[in-house]
Amino acid sequence: MNTNLDKLSKEDLEQLKKDVDKALKSVDARRKAEAKRAADQAAKEYGFSLDDLFGSTAAKGTKGLPKYANPADPTQTWTGRGRKPGWVNDALKAGKSLDDLAL
């Protein structure tokens, strides 16, 4: 991606910085969730869960790891528990399945 930053206004550069920061947070959240799923799958191959190996890592009241992300804005995630967010309902109405939204 070649973007000539010299031609952008200060406002455009500030917006670009916000967008980059948001994208980096999203990437980190997705990679952590993928790593946990991979570790969980590896433990299952030996007949264990991660809780069996390391004890319960989830504190009471935590939301859990995200399983679904909004394709239009990957920072919007959902664990699959509780009420579906509006973006999930909108995607389902548009003909997508939960598998299409899975991380």
PDB file of N, CA and C in Angstrom:
ATOM      1  N   MET A   1       0.845  -1.171   0.000  1.00  0.00           N
ATOM      2  CA  MET A   1       0.000   0.000   0.000  1.00  0.00           C
ATOM      3  C   MET A   1       0.889   1.233   0.000  1.00  0.00           C
ATOM      4  N   ASN A   2       0.782   2.016  -1.007  1.00  0.00           N
ATOM      5  CA  ASN A   2       1.555   3.243  -1.104  1.00  0.00           C
ATOM      6  C   ASN A   2       0.631   4.435  -0.921  1.00  0.00           C
ATOM      7  N   THR A   3       0.798   5.140   0.183  1.00  0.00           N
ATOM      8  CA  THR A   3       0.022   6.328   0.458  1.00  0.00           C
ATOM      9  C   THR A   3       0.996   7.482   0.614  1.00  0.00           C
ATOM     10  N   ASN A   4       0.754   8.533  -0.113  1.00  0.00           N
ATOM     11  CA  ASN A   4       1.606   9.703  -0.006  1.00  0.00           C
ATOM     12  C   ASN A   4       1.105  10.540   1.165  1.00  0.00           C
ATOM     13  N   LEU A   5       1.757  10.380   2.312  1.00  0.00           N
ATOM     14  CA  LEU A   5       1.330  11.065   3.525  1.00  0.00           C
ATOM     15  C   LEU A   5       1.525  12.570   3.446  1.00  0.00           C
ATOM     16  N   ASP A   6       2.451  13.006   2.615  1.00  0.00           N
ATOM     17  CA  ASP A   6       2.715  14.444   2.489  1.00  0.00           C
ATOM     18  C   ASP A   6       1.526  15.205   1.905  1.00  0.00           C
ATOM     19  N   LYS A   7       0.672  14.516   1.175  1.00  0.00           N
ATOM     20  CA  LYS A   7      -0.466  15.183   0.533  1.00  0.00           C
ATOM     21  C   LYS A   7      -1.717  15.193   1.411  1.00  0.00           C
ATOM     22  N   LEU A   8      -1.666  14.512   2.549  1.00  0.00           N
ATOM     23  CA  LEU A   8      -2.837  14.452   3.432  1.00  0.00           C
ATOM     24  C   LEU A   8      -2.866  15.659   4.368  1.00  0.00           C
ATOM     25  N   SER A   9      -4.074  16.077   4.710  1.00  0.00           N
ATOM     26  CA  SER A   9      -4.221  17.178   5.662  1.00  0.00           C
ATOM     27  C   SER A   9      -3.972  16.650   7.073  1.00  0.00           C
ATOM     28  N   LYS A  10      -3.836  17.556   8.009  1.00  0.00           N
ATOM     29  CA  LYS A  10      -3.626  17.170   9.398  1.00  0.00           C
ATOM     30  C   LYS A  10      -4.805  16.338   9.905  1.00  0.00           C
ATOM     31  N   GLU A  11      -6.015  16.742   9.542  1.00  0.00           N
ATOM     32  CA  GLU A  11      -7.201  16.014   9.969  1.00  0.00           C
ATOM     33  C   GLU A  11      -7.208  14.599   9.400  1.00  0.00           C
ATOM     34  N   ASP A  12      -6.836  14.490   8.123  1.00  0.00           N
ATOM     35  CA  ASP A  12      -6.785  13.166   7.493  1.00  0.00           C
ATOM     36  C   ASP A  12      -5.727  12.283   8.162  1.00  0.00           C
ATOM     37  N   LEU A  13      -4.591  12.877   8.505  1.00  0.00           N
ATOM     38  CA  LEU A  13      -3.530  12.118   9.174  1.00  0.00           C
ATOM     39  C   LEU A  13      -3.966  11.668  10.567  1.00  0.00           C
ATOM     40  N   GLU A  14      -4.672  12.545  11.292  1.00  0.00           N
ATOM     41  CA  GLU A  14      -5.166  12.172  12.619  1.00  0.00           C
ATOM     42  C   GLU A  14      -6.193  11.053  12.518  1.00  0.00           C
ATOM     43  N   GLN A  15      -7.062  11.122  11.516  1.00  0.00           N
ATOM     44  CA  GLN A  15      -8.053  10.059  11.327  1.00  0.00           C
ATOM     45  C   GLN A  15      -7.367   8.756  10.952  1.00  0.00           C
ATOM     46  N   LEU A  16      -6.352   8.841  10.101  1.00  0.00           N
ATOM     47  CA  LEU A  16      -5.593   7.663   9.708  1.00  0.00           C
ATOM     48  C   LEU A  16      -4.925   7.023  10.922  1.00  0.00           C
ATOM     49  N   LYS A  17      -4.380   7.855  11.798  1.00  0.00           N
ATOM     50  CA  LYS A  17      -3.743   7.341  13.016  1.00  0.00           C
ATOM     51  C   LYS A  17      -4.766   6.626  13.889  1.00  0.00           C
ATOM     52  N   LYS A  18      -5.960   7.209  14.049  1.00  0.00           N
ATOM     53  CA  LYS A  18      -7.013   6.570  14.839  1.00  0.00           C
ATOM     54  C   LYS A  18      -7.407   5.238  14.220  1.00  0.00           C
ATOM     55  N   ASP A  19      -7.547   5.218  12.903  1.00  0.00           N
ATOM     56  CA  ASP A  19      -7.923   3.987  12.210  1.00  0.00           C
ATOM     57  C   ASP A  19      -6.865   2.910  12.373  1.00  0.00           C
ATOM     58  N   VAL A  20      -5.599   3.303  12.311  1.00  0.00           N
ATOM     59  CA  VAL A  20      -4.501   2.341  12.473  1.00  0.00           C
ATOM     60  C   VAL A  20      -4.493   1.791  13.893  1.00  0.00           C
ATOM     61  N   ASP A  21      -4.648   2.663  14.888  1.00  0.00           N
ATOM     62  CA  ASP A  21      -4.679   2.204  16.278  1.00  0.00           C
ATOM     63  C   ASP A  21      -5.828   1.228  16.511  1.00  0.00           C
ATOM     64  N   LYS A  22      -6.977   1.532  15.940  1.00  0.00           N
ATOM     65  CA  LYS A  22      -8.148   0.670  16.070  1.00  0.00           C
ATOM     66  C   LYS A  22      -7.900  -0.682  15.397  1.00  0.00           C
ATOM     67  N   ALA A  23      -7.292  -0.664  14.234  1.00  0.00           N
ATOM     68  CA  ALA A  23      -6.995  -1.901  13.513  1.00  0.00           C
ATOM     69  C   ALA A  23      -5.976  -2.743  14.266  1.00  0.00           C
ATOM     70  N   LEU A  24      -4.980  -2.110  14.874  1.00  0.00           N
ATOM     71  CA  LEU A  24      -3.975  -2.854  15.634  1.00  0.00           C
ATOM     72  C   LEU A  24      -4.594  -3.541  16.850  1.00  0.00           C
ATOM     73  N   LYS A  25      -5.497  -2.856  17.537  1.00  0.00           N
ATOM     74  CA  LYS A  25      -6.185  -3.476  18.676  1.00  0.00           C
ATOM     75  C   LYS A  25      -7.008  -4.666  18.215  1.00  0.00           C
ATOM     76  N   SER A  26      -7.657  -4.518  17.083  1.00  0.00           N
ATOM     77  CA  SER A  26      -8.470  -5.597  16.539  1.00  0.00           C
ATOM     78  C   SER A  26      -7.609  -6.805  16.187  1.00  0.00           C
ATOM     79  N   VAL A  27      -6.467  -6.558  15.577  1.00  0.00           N
ATOM     80  CA  VAL A  27      -5.559  -7.648  15.209  1.00  0.00           C
ATOM     81  C   VAL A  27      -5.089  -8.378  16.454  1.00  0.00           C
ATOM     82  N   ASP A  28      -4.720  -7.631  17.494  1.00  0.00           N
ATOM     83  CA  ASP A  28      -4.274  -8.256  18.736  1.00  0.00           C
ATOM     84  C   ASP A  28      -5.377  -9.111  19.360  1.00  0.00           C
ATOM     85  N   ALA A  29      -6.597  -8.594  19.388  1.00  0.00           N
ATOM     86  CA  ALA A  29      -7.712  -9.353  19.971  1.00  0.00           C
ATOM     87  C   ALA A  29      -7.973 -10.634  19.184  1.00  0.00           C
ATOM     88  N   ARG A  30      -7.948 -10.536  17.858  1.00  0.00           N
ATOM     89  CA  ARG A  30      -8.179 -11.729  17.034  1.00  0.00           C
ATOM     90  C   ARG A  30      -7.067 -12.748  17.210  1.00  0.00           C
ATOM     91  N   ARG A  31      -5.827 -12.293  17.253  1.00  0.00           N
ATOM     92  CA  ARG A  31      -4.695 -13.216  17.390  1.00  0.00           C
ATOM     93  C   ARG A  31      -4.721 -13.913  18.744  1.00  0.00           C
ATOM     94  N   LYS A  32      -5.093 -13.191  19.803  1.00  0.00           N
ATOM     95  CA  LYS A  32      -5.208 -13.813  21.121  1.00  0.00           C
ATOM     96  C   LYS A  32      -6.304 -14.880  21.112  1.00  0.00           C
ATOM     97  N   ALA A  33      -7.431 -14.553  20.506  1.00  0.00           N
ATOM     98  CA  ALA A  33      -8.533 -15.520  20.436  1.00  0.00           C
ATOM     99  C   ALA A  33      -8.119 -16.739  19.619  1.00  0.00           C
ATOM    100  N   GLU A  34      -7.407 -16.527  18.509  1.00  0.00           N
ATOM    101  CA  GLU A  34      -6.936 -17.647  17.691  1.00  0.00           C
ATOM    102  C   GLU A  34      -5.943 -18.505  18.454  1.00  0.00           C
ATOM    103  N   ALA A  35      -5.059 -17.873  19.214  1.00  0.00           N
ATOM    104  CA  ALA A  35      -4.075 -18.618  20.002  1.00  0.00           C
ATOM    105  C   ALA A  35      -4.767 -19.457  21.067  1.00  0.00           C
ATOM    106  N   LYS A  36      -5.779 -18.890  21.713  1.00  0.00           N
ATOM    107  CA  LYS A  36      -6.504 -19.651  22.737  1.00  0.00           C
ATOM    108  C   LYS A  36      -7.228 -20.830  22.115  1.00  0.00           C
ATOM    109  N   ARG A  37      -7.855 -20.612  20.949  1.00  0.00           N
ATOM    110  CA  ARG A  37      -8.547 -21.723  20.288  1.00  0.00           C
ATOM    111  C   ARG A  37      -7.561 -22.823  19.889  1.00  0.00           C
ATOM    112  N   ALA A  38      -6.378 -22.427  19.403  1.00  0.00           N
ATOM    113  CA  ALA A  38      -5.367 -23.414  19.011  1.00  0.00           C
ATOM    114  C   ALA A  38      -4.879 -24.188  20.236  1.00  0.00           C
ATOM    115  N   ALA A  39      -4.657 -23.497  21.340  1.00  0.00           N
ATOM    116  CA  ALA A  39      -4.220 -24.167  22.568  1.00  0.00           C
ATOM    117  C   ALA A  39      -5.310 -25.093  23.082  1.00  0.00           C
ATOM    118  N   ASP A  40      -6.545 -24.641  23.021  1.00  0.00           N
ATOM    119  CA  ASP A  40      -7.672 -25.461  23.458  1.00  0.00           C
ATOM    120  C   ASP A  40      -7.791 -26.712  22.593  1.00  0.00           C
ATOM    121  N   GLN A  41      -7.624 -26.565  21.294  1.00  0.00           N
ATOM    122  CA  GLN A  41      -7.692 -27.708  20.375  1.00  0.00           C
ATOM    123  C   GLN A  41      -6.561 -28.692  20.667  1.00  0.00           C
ATOM    124  N   ALA A  42      -5.359 -28.178  20.922  1.00  0.00           N
ATOM    125  CA  ALA A  42      -4.230 -29.055  21.236  1.00  0.00           C
ATOM    126  C   ALA A  42      -4.494 -29.825  22.526  1.00  0.00           C
ATOM    127  N   ALA A  43      -5.046 -29.173  23.534  1.00  0.00           N
ATOM    128  CA  ALA A  43      -5.369 -29.853  24.791  1.00  0.00           C
ATOM    129  C   ALA A  43      -6.435 -30.917  24.569  1.00  0.00           C
ATOM    130  N   LYS A  44      -7.436 -30.610  23.738  1.00  0.00           N
ATOM    131  CA  LYS A  44      -8.507 -31.579  23.455  1.00  0.00           C
ATOM    132  C   LYS A  44      -7.970 -32.828  22.772  1.00  0.00           C
ATOM    133  N   GLU A  45      -6.937 -32.687  21.950  1.00  0.00           N
ATOM    134  CA  GLU A  45      -6.348 -33.845  21.285  1.00  0.00           C
ATOM    135  C   GLU A  45      -5.796 -34.849  22.286  1.00  0.00           C
ATOM    136  N   TYR A  46      -5.451 -34.367  23.478  1.00  0.00           N
ATOM    137  CA  TYR A  46      -4.940 -35.234  24.538  1.00  0.00           C
ATOM    138  C   TYR A  46      -6.012 -35.544  25.577  1.00  0.00           C
ATOM    139  N   GLY A  47      -7.233 -35.093  25.322  1.00  0.00           N
ATOM    140  CA  GLY A  47      -8.348 -35.406  26.211  1.00  0.00           C
ATOM    141  C   GLY A  47      -8.496 -34.467  27.393  1.00  0.00           C
ATOM    142  N   PHE A  48      -7.934 -33.269  27.297  1.00  0.00           N
ATOM    143  CA  PHE A  48      -8.022 -32.304  28.379  1.00  0.00           C
ATOM    144  C   PHE A  48      -8.621 -30.999  27.875  1.00  0.00           C
ATOM    145  N   SER A  49      -8.997 -30.167  28.825  1.00  0.00           N
ATOM    146  CA  SER A  49      -9.360 -28.794  28.498  1.00  0.00           C
ATOM    147  C   SER A  49      -8.274 -27.897  29.068  1.00  0.00           C
ATOM    148  N   LEU A  50      -8.266 -26.643  28.670  1.00  0.00           N
ATOM    149  CA  LEU A  50      -7.285 -25.714  29.227  1.00  0.00           C
ATOM    150  C   LEU A  50      -7.488 -25.538  30.726  1.00  0.00           C
ATOM    151  N   ASP A  51      -8.743 -25.585  31.174  1.00  0.00           N
ATOM    152  CA  ASP A  51      -9.014 -25.499  32.612  1.00  0.00           C
ATOM    153  C   ASP A  51      -8.411 -26.692  33.340  1.00  0.00           C
ATOM    154  N   ASP A  52      -8.465 -27.889  32.730  1.00  0.00           N
ATOM    155  CA  ASP A  52      -7.850 -29.067  33.348  1.00  0.00           C
ATOM    156  C   ASP A  52      -6.351 -28.866  33.517  1.00  0.00           C
ATOM    157  N   LEU A  53      -5.720 -28.250  32.540  1.00  0.00           N
ATOM    158  CA  LEU A  53      -4.269 -28.094  32.560  1.00  0.00           C
ATOM    159  C   LEU A  53      -3.797 -26.923  33.419  1.00  0.00           C
ATOM    160  N   PHE A  54      -4.522 -25.816  33.369  1.00  0.00           N
ATOM    161  CA  PHE A  54      -4.048 -24.600  34.023  1.00  0.00           C
ATOM    162  C   PHE A  54      -4.986 -24.069  35.090  1.00  0.00           C
ATOM    163  N   GLY A  55      -6.080 -24.753  35.322  1.00  0.00           N
ATOM    164  CA  GLY A  55      -7.080 -24.229  36.240  1.00  0.00           C
ATOM    165  C   GLY A  55      -7.927 -23.202  35.528  1.00  0.00           C
ATOM    166  N   SER A  56      -8.980 -22.801  36.157  1.00  0.00           N
ATOM    167  CA  SER A  56      -9.871 -21.816  35.549  1.00  0.00           C
ATOM    168  C   SER A  56      -9.164 -20.470  35.471  1.00  0.00           C
ATOM    169  N   THR A  57      -9.024 -19.960  34.258  1.00  0.00           N
ATOM    170  CA  THR A  57      -8.352 -18.668  34.063  1.00  0.00           C
ATOM    171  C   THR A  57      -9.343 -17.526  33.981  1.00  0.00           C
ATOM    172  N   ALA A  58     -10.612 -17.849  33.852  1.00  0.00           N
ATOM    173  CA  ALA A  58     -11.622 -16.799  33.722  1.00  0.00           C
ATOM    174  C   ALA A  58     -12.087 -16.365  35.109  1.00  0.00           C
ATOM    175  N   ALA A  59     -12.022 -15.091  35.373  1.00  0.00           N
ATOM    176  CA  ALA A  59     -12.515 -14.558  36.628  1.00  0.00           C
ATOM    177  C   ALA A  59     -14.031 -14.449  36.561  1.00  0.00           C
ATOM    178  N   LYS A  60     -14.660 -14.456  37.710  1.00  0.00           N
ATOM    179  CA  LYS A  60     -16.112 -14.323  37.715  1.00  0.00           C
ATOM    180  C   LYS A  60     -16.519 -13.012  37.069  1.00  0.00           C
ATOM    181  N   GLY A  61     -17.529 -13.082  36.233  1.00  0.00           N
ATOM    182  CA  GLY A  61     -18.058 -11.888  35.613  1.00  0.00           C
ATOM    183  C   GLY A  61     -17.355 -11.474  34.333  1.00  0.00           C
ATOM    184  N   THR A  62     -16.385 -12.254  33.874  1.00  0.00           N
ATOM    185  CA  THR A  62     -15.730 -11.879  32.627  1.00  0.00           C
ATOM    186  C   THR A  62     -16.631 -12.239  31.461  1.00  0.00           C
ATOM    187  N   LYS A  63     -16.430 -11.560  30.378  1.00  0.00           N
ATOM    188  CA  LYS A  63     -17.266 -11.771  29.203  1.00  0.00           C
ATOM    189  C   LYS A  63     -16.827 -12.975  28.395  1.00  0.00           C
ATOM    190  N   GLY A  64     -15.604 -13.403  28.525  1.00  0.00           N
ATOM    191  CA  GLY A  64     -15.101 -14.498  27.708  1.00  0.00           C
ATOM    192  C   GLY A  64     -14.436 -13.958  26.455  1.00  0.00           C
ATOM    193  N   LEU A  65     -13.885 -14.872  25.699  1.00  0.00           N
ATOM    194  CA  LEU A  65     -13.183 -14.480  24.477  1.00  0.00           C
ATOM    195  C   LEU A  65     -14.168 -14.314  23.326  1.00  0.00           C
ATOM    196  N   PRO A  66     -13.901 -13.351  22.460  1.00  0.00           N
ATOM    197  CA  PRO A  66     -14.799 -13.151  21.321  1.00  0.00           C
ATOM    198  C   PRO A  66     -14.727 -14.310  20.345  1.00  0.00           C
ATOM    199  N   LYS A  67     -15.884 -14.696  19.827  1.00  0.00           N
ATOM    200  CA  LYS A  67     -15.975 -15.751  18.821  1.00  0.00           C
ATOM    201  C   LYS A  67     -16.392 -15.205  17.464  1.00  0.00           C
ATOM    202  N   TYR A  68     -17.003 -14.018  17.475  1.00  0.00           N
ATOM    203  CA  TYR A  68     -17.534 -13.437  16.245  1.00  0.00           C
ATOM    204  C   TYR A  68     -17.080 -11.984  16.145  1.00  0.00           C
ATOM    205  N   ALA A  69     -16.883 -11.535  14.908  1.00  0.00           N
ATOM    206  CA  ALA A  69     -16.493 -10.150  14.675  1.00  0.00           C
ATOM    207  C   ALA A  69     -17.294  -9.581  13.518  1.00  0.00           C
ATOM    208  N   ASN A  70     -17.557  -8.301  13.601  1.00  0.00           N
ATOM    209  CA  ASN A  70     -18.260  -7.586  12.546  1.00  0.00           C
ATOM    210  C   ASN A  70     -17.309  -7.432  11.358  1.00  0.00           C
ATOM    211  N   PRO A  71     -17.658  -7.976  10.188  1.00  0.00           N
ATOM    212  CA  PRO A  71     -16.767  -7.843   9.026  1.00  0.00           C
ATOM    213  C   PRO A  71     -16.506  -6.389   8.633  1.00  0.00           C
ATOM    214  N   ALA A  72     -17.475  -5.526   8.878  1.00  0.00           N
ATOM    215  CA  ALA A  72     -17.311  -4.119   8.520  1.00  0.00           C
ATOM    216  C   ALA A  72     -16.453  -3.368   9.534  1.00  0.00           C
ATOM    217  N   ASP A  73     -16.407  -3.846  10.778  1.00  0.00           N
ATOM    218  CA  ASP A  73     -15.610  -3.214  11.835  1.00  0.00           C
ATOM    219  C   ASP A  73     -15.135  -4.299  12.786  1.00  0.00           C
ATOM    220  N   PRO A  74     -13.966  -4.898  12.522  1.00  0.00           N
ATOM    221  CA  PRO A  74     -13.482  -6.030  13.318  1.00  0.00           C
ATOM    222  C   PRO A  74     -13.276  -5.735  14.799  1.00  0.00           C
ATOM    223  N   THR A  75     -13.308  -4.467  15.204  1.00  0.00           N
ATOM    224  CA  THR A  75     -13.179  -4.179  16.627  1.00  0.00           C
ATOM    225  C   THR A  75     -14.473  -4.498  17.366  1.00  0.00           C
ATOM    226  N   GLN A  76     -15.574  -4.634  16.637  1.00  0.00           N
ATOM    227  CA  GLN A  76     -16.849  -5.009  17.242  1.00  0.00           C
ATOM    228  C   GLN A  76     -16.910  -6.533  17.271  1.00  0.00           C
ATOM    229  N   THR A  77     -16.855  -7.074  18.489  1.00  0.00           N
ATOM    230  CA  THR A  77     -16.856  -8.526  18.641  1.00  0.00           C
ATOM    231  C   THR A  77     -17.993  -8.955  19.549  1.00  0.00           C
ATOM    232  N   TRP A  78     -18.245 -10.266  19.542  1.00  0.00           N
ATOM    233  CA  TRP A  78     -19.289 -10.856  20.382  1.00  0.00           C
ATOM    234  C   TRP A  78     -18.822 -12.228  20.806  1.00  0.00           C
ATOM    235  N   THR A  79     -19.041 -12.579  22.053  1.00  0.00           N
ATOM    236  CA  THR A  79     -18.606 -13.870  22.580  1.00  0.00           C
ATOM    237  C   THR A  79     -19.545 -15.006  22.198  1.00  0.00           C
ATOM    238  N   GLY A  80     -20.738 -14.671  21.751  1.00  0.00           N
ATOM    239  CA  GLY A  80     -21.725 -15.691  21.459  1.00  0.00           C
ATOM    240  C   GLY A  80     -22.658 -15.914  22.637  1.00  0.00           C
ATOM    241  N   ARG A  81     -22.424 -15.175  23.712  1.00  0.00           N
ATOM    242  CA  ARG A  81     -23.277 -15.278  24.897  1.00  0.00           C
ATOM    243  C   ARG A  81     -24.114 -14.009  25.026  1.00  0.00           C
ATOM    244  N   GLY A  82     -25.267 -14.154  25.631  1.00  0.00           N
ATOM    245  CA  GLY A  82     -26.115 -12.986  25.853  1.00  0.00           C
ATOM    246  C   GLY A  82     -26.817 -12.551  24.574  1.00  0.00           C
ATOM    247  N   ARG A  83     -27.387 -11.364  24.631  1.00  0.00           N
ATOM    248  CA  ARG A  83     -28.120 -10.834  23.475  1.00  0.00           C
ATOM    249  C   ARG A  83     -27.179 -10.591  22.312  1.00  0.00           C
ATOM    250  N   LYS A  84     -27.699 -10.843  21.136  1.00  0.00           N
ATOM    251  CA  LYS A  84     -26.920 -10.584  19.923  1.00  0.00           C
ATOM    252  C   LYS A  84     -26.821  -9.076  19.709  1.00  0.00           C
ATOM    253  N   PRO A  85     -25.626  -8.593  19.400  1.00  0.00           N
ATOM    254  CA  PRO A  85     -25.487  -7.170  19.070  1.00  0.00           C
ATOM    255  C   PRO A  85     -26.241  -6.842  17.781  1.00  0.00           C
ATOM    256  N   GLY A  86     -26.514  -5.584  17.586  1.00  0.00           N
ATOM    257  CA  GLY A  86     -27.241  -5.144  16.395  1.00  0.00           C
ATOM    258  C   GLY A  86     -26.560  -5.560  15.104  1.00  0.00           C
ATOM    259  N   TRP A  87     -25.226  -5.483  15.052  1.00  0.00           N
ATOM    260  CA  TRP A  87     -24.523  -5.842  13.823  1.00  0.00           C
ATOM    261  C   TRP A  87     -24.680  -7.326  13.508  1.00  0.00           C
ATOM    262  N   VAL A  88     -24.837  -8.176  14.536  1.00  0.00           N
ATOM    263  CA  VAL A  88     -25.071  -9.607  14.295  1.00  0.00           C
ATOM    264  C   VAL A  88     -26.463  -9.785  13.709  1.00  0.00           C
ATOM    265  N   ASN A  89     -27.443  -9.143  14.325  1.00  0.00           N
ATOM    266  CA  ASN A  89     -28.814  -9.240  13.816  1.00  0.00           C
ATOM    267  C   ASN A  89     -28.909  -8.735  12.384  1.00  0.00           C
ATOM    268  N   ASP A  90     -28.231  -7.623  12.096  1.00  0.00           N
ATOM    269  CA  ASP A  90     -28.249  -7.076  10.739  1.00  0.00           C
ATOM    270  C   ASP A  90     -27.628  -8.057   9.743  1.00  0.00           C
ATOM    271  N   ALA A  91     -26.523  -8.681  10.126  1.00  0.00           N
ATOM    272  CA  ALA A  91     -25.856  -9.634   9.237  1.00  0.00           C
ATOM    273  C   ALA A  91     -26.736 -10.859   8.999  1.00  0.00           C
ATOM    274  N   LEU A  92     -27.399 -11.340  10.048  1.00  0.00           N
ATOM    275  CA  LEU A  92     -28.282 -12.501   9.899  1.00  0.00           C
ATOM    276  C   LEU A  92     -29.470 -12.172   8.993  1.00  0.00           C
ATOM    277  N   LYS A  93     -30.010 -10.957   9.134  1.00  0.00           N
ATOM    278  CA  LYS A  93     -31.113 -10.530   8.274  1.00  0.00           C
ATOM    279  C   LYS A  93     -30.672 -10.410   6.819  1.00  0.00           C
ATOM    280  N   ALA A  94     -29.383 -10.082   6.620  1.00  0.00           N
ATOM    281  CA  ALA A  94     -28.843  -9.929   5.270  1.00  0.00           C
ATOM    282  C   ALA A  94     -28.495 -11.281   4.641  1.00  0.00           C
ATOM    283  N   GLY A  95     -28.758 -12.367   5.371  1.00  0.00           N
ATOM    284  CA  GLY A  95     -28.535 -13.688   4.799  1.00  0.00           C
ATOM    285  C   GLY A  95     -27.232 -14.361   5.203  1.00  0.00           C
ATOM    286  N   LYS A  96     -26.447 -13.714   6.048  1.00  0.00           N
ATOM    287  CA  LYS A  96     -25.207 -14.337   6.507  1.00  0.00           C
ATOM    288  C   LYS A  96     -25.520 -15.287   7.656  1.00  0.00           C
ATOM    289  N   SER A  97     -24.597 -16.215   7.910  1.00  0.00           N
ATOM    290  CA  SER A  97     -24.749 -17.119   9.040  1.00  0.00           C
ATOM    291  C   SER A  97     -23.734 -16.739  10.113  1.00  0.00           C
ATOM    292  N   LEU A  98     -23.880 -17.314  11.297  1.00  0.00           N
ATOM    293  CA  LEU A  98     -22.906 -17.047  12.348  1.00  0.00           C
ATOM    294  C   LEU A  98     -21.525 -17.551  11.943  1.00  0.00           C
ATOM    295  N   ASP A  99     -21.480 -18.607  11.138  1.00  0.00           N
ATOM    296  CA  ASP A  99     -20.179 -19.107  10.658  1.00  0.00           C
ATOM    297  C   ASP A  99     -19.465 -18.057   9.813  1.00  0.00           C
ATOM    298  N   ASP A 100     -20.239 -17.239   9.101  1.00  0.00           N
ATOM    299  CA  ASP A 100     -19.626 -16.177   8.287  1.00  0.00           C
ATOM    300  C   ASP A 100     -18.985 -15.099   9.158  1.00  0.00           C
ATOM    301  N   LEU A 101     -19.446 -14.974  10.406  1.00  0.00           N
ATOM    302  CA  LEU A 101     -18.948 -13.944  11.305  1.00  0.00           C
ATOM    303  C   LEU A 101     -17.898 -14.467  12.267  1.00  0.00           C
ATOM    304  N   ALA A 102     -17.657 -15.769  12.251  1.00  0.00           N
ATOM    305  CA  ALA A 102     -16.719 -16.378  13.197  1.00  0.00           C
ATOM    306  C   ALA A 102     -15.298 -15.878  12.965  1.00  0.00           C
ATOM    307  N   LEU A 103     -14.574 -15.748  14.052  1.00  0.00           N
ATOM    308  CA  LEU A 103     -13.170 -15.336  13.983  1.00  0.00           C
ATOM    309  C   LEU A 103     -12.311 -16.490  13.502  1.00  0.00           C
TER     310      LEU A 103
END
